[in-house]
């Protein structure tokens, strides 16, 4: 006898089975979408770009960002975002991860903390200073000229 409910064996179950509306199965839930963000940056907890924040937190002191915050109003996180965007605009995403990490640390030493010179960074990484967005960098650090 085939599987399933037979009319002759279980007429009530057979009738219920035929009269009960069938709902289509629910589709599987969609996987969570990644949060919107900028290339190279990842949310806290891991990912390909989490070294930006880790190195920033290690290399850039709170007193340095507090000083910039007084000039610009930018929070520590906003300062990180601005400098990450400047760094990424130099084309460093073409490097492998270890080189990117070193270039980022060198960038912070040269452009944020002042432990090294800008010229050293450009020479080390083979970039032309004329290709750097100096206006955006001055803006990020609050070095804009005051008019008036």
C-alpha atoms as a PDB file:
ATOM      1  CA  UNK A   1       0.000   0.000   0.000  1.00  0.00           C
ATOM      2  CA  UNK A   2       1.420   3.397  -0.894  1.00  0.00           C
ATOM      3  CA  UNK A   3       2.422   5.790   1.798  1.00  0.00           C
ATOM      4  CA  UNK A   4       0.116   8.588   2.812  1.00  0.00           C
ATOM      5  CA  UNK A   5      -3.396   8.654   4.115  1.00  0.00           C
ATOM      6  CA  UNK A   6      -5.786   6.248   2.460  1.00  0.00           C
ATOM      7  CA  UNK A   7      -9.450   7.186   2.203  1.00  0.00           C
ATOM      8  CA  UNK A   8     -10.519   3.694   3.131  1.00  0.00           C
ATOM      9  CA  UNK A   9      -8.330   3.397   6.220  1.00  0.00           C
ATOM     10  CA  UNK A  10      -8.660   6.930   7.682  1.00  0.00           C
ATOM     11  CA  UNK A  11     -11.541   8.824   6.043  1.00  0.00           C
ATOM     12  CA  UNK A  12     -11.559  11.676   8.556  1.00  0.00           C
ATOM     13  CA  UNK A  13      -7.822  12.297   8.286  1.00  0.00           C
ATOM     14  CA  UNK A  14      -8.056  12.079   4.497  1.00  0.00           C
ATOM     15  CA  UNK A  15     -10.887  14.626   4.480  1.00  0.00           C
ATOM     16  CA  UNK A  16      -9.009  17.005   6.820  1.00  0.00           C
ATOM     17  CA  UNK A  17      -5.937  16.694   4.651  1.00  0.00           C
ATOM     18  CA  UNK A  18      -7.924  17.632   1.519  1.00  0.00           C
ATOM     19  CA  UNK A  19      -9.875  20.510   3.099  1.00  0.00           C
ATOM     20  CA  UNK A  20      -7.073  22.153   5.058  1.00  0.00           C
ATOM     21  CA  UNK A  21      -5.570  24.980   3.002  1.00  0.00           C
ATOM     22  CA  UNK A  22      -1.939  24.476   2.234  1.00  0.00           C
ATOM     23  CA  UNK A  23       0.394  27.354   2.897  1.00  0.00           C
ATOM     24  CA  UNK A  24       3.410  27.698   0.724  1.00  0.00           C
ATOM     25  CA  UNK A  25       6.629  27.068   2.639  1.00  0.00           C
ATOM     26  CA  UNK A  26       8.309  30.164   4.004  1.00  0.00           C
ATOM     27  CA  UNK A  27      11.386  31.214   2.072  1.00  0.00           C
ATOM     28  CA  UNK A  28      14.626  30.932   3.995  1.00  0.00           C
ATOM     29  CA  UNK A  29      15.627  34.160   5.743  1.00  0.00           C
ATOM     30  CA  UNK A  30      18.004  36.413   3.865  1.00  0.00           C
ATOM     31  CA  UNK A  31      21.541  36.509   5.190  1.00  0.00           C
ATOM     32  CA  UNK A  32      22.286  39.755   7.022  1.00  0.00           C
ATOM     33  CA  UNK A  33      23.586  42.501   4.814  1.00  0.00           C
ATOM     34  CA  UNK A  34      26.875  44.133   5.729  1.00  0.00           C
ATOM     35  CA  UNK A  35      26.512  47.646   7.124  1.00  0.00           C
ATOM     36  CA  UNK A  36      27.193  50.467   4.707  1.00  0.00           C
ATOM     37  CA  UNK A  37      30.711  51.677   4.949  1.00  0.00           C
ATOM     38  CA  UNK A  38      33.782  52.723   3.110  1.00  0.00           C
ATOM     39  CA  UNK A  39      36.125  50.377   1.292  1.00  0.00           C
ATOM     40  CA  UNK A  40      38.781  48.968   3.539  1.00  0.00           C
ATOM     41  CA  UNK A  41      36.916  49.692   6.708  1.00  0.00           C
ATOM     42  CA  UNK A  42      35.218  46.992   8.680  1.00  0.00           C
ATOM     43  CA  UNK A  43      32.963  47.045  11.666  1.00  0.00           C
ATOM     44  CA  UNK A  44      34.501  46.340  15.057  1.00  0.00           C
ATOM     45  CA  UNK A  45      35.134  42.706  15.764  1.00  0.00           C
ATOM     46  CA  UNK A  46      37.144  41.772  12.748  1.00  0.00           C
ATOM     47  CA  UNK A  47      37.337  41.931   9.029  1.00  0.00           C
ATOM     48  CA  UNK A  48      39.831  42.968   6.429  1.00  0.00           C
ATOM     49  CA  UNK A  49      40.079  46.592   7.513  1.00  0.00           C
ATOM     50  CA  UNK A  50      40.000  46.365  11.277  1.00  0.00           C
ATOM     51  CA  UNK A  51      43.726  47.133  11.443  1.00  0.00           C
ATOM     52  CA  UNK A  52      42.997  50.816  10.741  1.00  0.00           C
ATOM     53  CA  UNK A  53      41.258  51.252  14.090  1.00  0.00           C
ATOM     54  CA  UNK A  54      43.635  48.919  15.961  1.00  0.00           C
ATOM     55  CA  UNK A  55      46.736  50.799  14.788  1.00  0.00           C
ATOM     56  CA  UNK A  56      45.017  54.194  15.275  1.00  0.00           C
ATOM     57  CA  UNK A  57      44.142  53.315  18.862  1.00  0.00           C
ATOM     58  CA  UNK A  58      47.707  52.137  19.502  1.00  0.00           C
ATOM     59  CA  UNK A  59      49.570  54.977  17.797  1.00  0.00           C
ATOM     60  CA  UNK A  60      47.420  58.088  18.271  1.00  0.00           C
ATOM     61  CA  UNK A  61      47.015  59.228  21.859  1.00  0.00           C
ATOM     62  CA  UNK A  62      43.783  60.591  23.244  1.00  0.00           C
ATOM     63  CA  UNK A  63      45.547  63.855  24.087  1.00  0.00           C
ATOM     64  CA  UNK A  64      46.487  64.272  20.400  1.00  0.00           C
ATOM     65  CA  UNK A  65      42.907  63.752  19.242  1.00  0.00           C
ATOM     66  CA  UNK A  66      41.577  65.955  22.057  1.00  0.00           C
ATOM     67  CA  UNK A  67      43.801  68.798  20.854  1.00  0.00           C
ATOM     68  CA  UNK A  68      42.499  68.400  17.286  1.00  0.00           C
ATOM     69  CA  UNK A  69      38.920  68.142  18.583  1.00  0.00           C
ATOM     70  CA  UNK A  70      39.306  71.573  20.221  1.00  0.00           C
ATOM     71  CA  UNK A  71      40.357  73.059  16.865  1.00  0.00           C
ATOM     72  CA  UNK A  72      37.923  71.200  14.615  1.00  0.00           C
ATOM     73  CA  UNK A  73      35.070  69.772  16.659  1.00  0.00           C
ATOM     74  CA  UNK A  74      35.756  66.319  15.175  1.00  0.00           C
ATOM     75  CA  UNK A  75      35.447  63.370  17.545  1.00  0.00           C
ATOM     76  CA  UNK A  76      38.220  60.785  17.778  1.00  0.00           C
ATOM     77  CA  UNK A  77      36.211  58.486  15.505  1.00  0.00           C
ATOM     78  CA  UNK A  78      35.599  61.255  12.949  1.00  0.00           C
ATOM     79  CA  UNK A  79      39.319  61.989  12.908  1.00  0.00           C
ATOM     80  CA  UNK A  80      40.019  58.313  12.244  1.00  0.00           C
ATOM     81  CA  UNK A  81      37.533  58.363   9.361  1.00  0.00           C
ATOM     82  CA  UNK A  82      39.055  61.484   7.807  1.00  0.00           C
ATOM     83  CA  UNK A  83      42.606  60.151   7.996  1.00  0.00           C
ATOM     84  CA  UNK A  84      41.575  56.733   6.718  1.00  0.00           C
ATOM     85  CA  UNK A  85      39.951  58.374   3.704  1.00  0.00           C
ATOM     86  CA  UNK A  86      43.068  60.456   3.068  1.00  0.00           C
ATOM     87  CA  UNK A  87      45.266  57.377   3.371  1.00  0.00           C
ATOM     88  CA  UNK A  88      43.059  55.332   1.039  1.00  0.00           C
ATOM     89  CA  UNK A  89      43.059  58.151  -1.519  1.00  0.00           C
ATOM     90  CA  UNK A  90      46.818  57.617  -1.969  1.00  0.00           C
ATOM     91  CA  UNK A  91      46.266  54.211  -3.597  1.00  0.00           C
ATOM     92  CA  UNK A  92      47.619  52.136  -0.733  1.00  0.00           C
ATOM     93  CA  UNK A  93      44.828  49.593  -1.200  1.00  0.00           C
ATOM     94  CA  UNK A  94      46.943  48.034  -3.955  1.00  0.00           C
ATOM     95  CA  UNK A  95      49.463  46.795  -1.369  1.00  0.00           C
ATOM     96  CA  UNK A  96      49.197  43.460   0.392  1.00  0.00           C
ATOM     97  CA  UNK A  97      47.794  43.554   3.917  1.00  0.00           C
ATOM     98  CA  UNK A  98      51.133  43.595   5.775  1.00  0.00           C
ATOM     99  CA  UNK A  99      52.379  46.477   3.629  1.00  0.00           C
ATOM    100  CA  UNK A 100      49.079  48.341   4.075  1.00  0.00           C
ATOM    101  CA  UNK A 101      49.400  48.030   7.836  1.00  0.00           C
ATOM    102  CA  UNK A 102      52.969  49.327   7.753  1.00  0.00           C
ATOM    103  CA  UNK A 103      52.035  52.164   5.387  1.00  0.00           C
ATOM    104  CA  UNK A 104      49.114  53.141   7.655  1.00  0.00           C
ATOM    105  CA  UNK A 105      51.336  53.168  10.723  1.00  0.00           C
ATOM    106  CA  UNK A 106      53.930  55.238   8.843  1.00  0.00           C
ATOM    107  CA  UNK A 107      51.164  57.600   7.659  1.00  0.00           C
ATOM    108  CA  UNK A 108      50.025  58.168  11.245  1.00  0.00           C
ATOM    109  CA  UNK A 109      53.623  58.784  12.332  1.00  0.00           C
ATOM    110  CA  UNK A 110      54.109  61.323   9.548  1.00  0.00           C
ATOM    111  CA  UNK A 111      50.744  63.063   9.280  1.00  0.00           C
ATOM    112  CA  UNK A 112      49.083  62.757  12.682  1.00  0.00           C
ATOM    113  CA  UNK A 113      51.568  62.274  15.519  1.00  0.00           C
ATOM    114  CA  UNK A 114      54.582  64.060  13.978  1.00  0.00           C
ATOM    115  CA  UNK A 115      57.044  61.286  14.858  1.00  0.00           C
ATOM    116  CA  UNK A 116      58.298  61.322  11.286  1.00  0.00           C
ATOM    117  CA  UNK A 117      58.309  63.785   8.407  1.00  0.00           C
ATOM    118  CA  UNK A 118      55.947  63.931   5.475  1.00  0.00           C
ATOM    119  CA  UNK A 119      58.925  63.661   3.129  1.00  0.00           C
ATOM    120  CA  UNK A 120      60.010  60.421   4.782  1.00  0.00           C
ATOM    121  CA  UNK A 121      56.594  58.899   4.180  1.00  0.00           C
ATOM    122  CA  UNK A 122      56.440  59.976   0.537  1.00  0.00           C
ATOM    123  CA  UNK A 123      59.966  58.673  -0.087  1.00  0.00           C
ATOM    124  CA  UNK A 124      59.353  55.389   1.724  1.00  0.00           C
ATOM    125  CA  UNK A 125      56.185  54.614  -0.215  1.00  0.00           C
ATOM    126  CA  UNK A 126      57.201  56.110  -3.573  1.00  0.00           C
ATOM    127  CA  UNK A 127      54.495  58.744  -3.774  1.00  0.00           C
ATOM    128  CA  UNK A 128      54.586  62.261  -5.126  1.00  0.00           C
ATOM    129  CA  UNK A 129      53.587  64.893  -2.525  1.00  0.00           C
ATOM    130  CA  UNK A 130      51.834  66.832  -5.291  1.00  0.00           C
ATOM    131  CA  UNK A 131      49.287  63.989  -5.534  1.00  0.00           C
ATOM    132  CA  UNK A 132      48.334  64.285  -1.864  1.00  0.00           C
ATOM    133  CA  UNK A 133      45.190  66.203  -0.846  1.00  0.00           C
ATOM    134  CA  UNK A 134      46.890  68.758   1.384  1.00  0.00           C
ATOM    135  CA  UNK A 135      43.749  70.852   1.725  1.00  0.00           C
ATOM    136  CA  UNK A 136      41.786  67.897   3.138  1.00  0.00           C
ATOM    137  CA  UNK A 137      44.678  67.078   5.499  1.00  0.00           C
ATOM    138  CA  UNK A 138      44.818  70.681   6.793  1.00  0.00           C
ATOM    139  CA  UNK A 139      41.050  70.592   7.238  1.00  0.00           C
ATOM    140  CA  UNK A 140      41.249  67.297   9.187  1.00  0.00           C
ATOM    141  CA  UNK A 141      43.797  68.790  11.594  1.00  0.00           C
ATOM    142  CA  UNK A 142      42.170  72.207  11.858  1.00  0.00           C
ATOM    143  CA  UNK A 143      45.005  74.024  10.084  1.00  0.00           C
ATOM    144  CA  UNK A 144      42.774  75.906   7.700  1.00  0.00           C
ATOM    145  CA  UNK A 145      43.527  79.533   7.139  1.00  0.00           C
ATOM    146  CA  UNK A 146      41.250  81.892   8.941  1.00  0.00           C
ATOM    147  CA  UNK A 147      39.912  84.684   6.802  1.00  0.00           C
ATOM    148  CA  UNK A 148      38.961  87.970   8.165  1.00  0.00           C
END
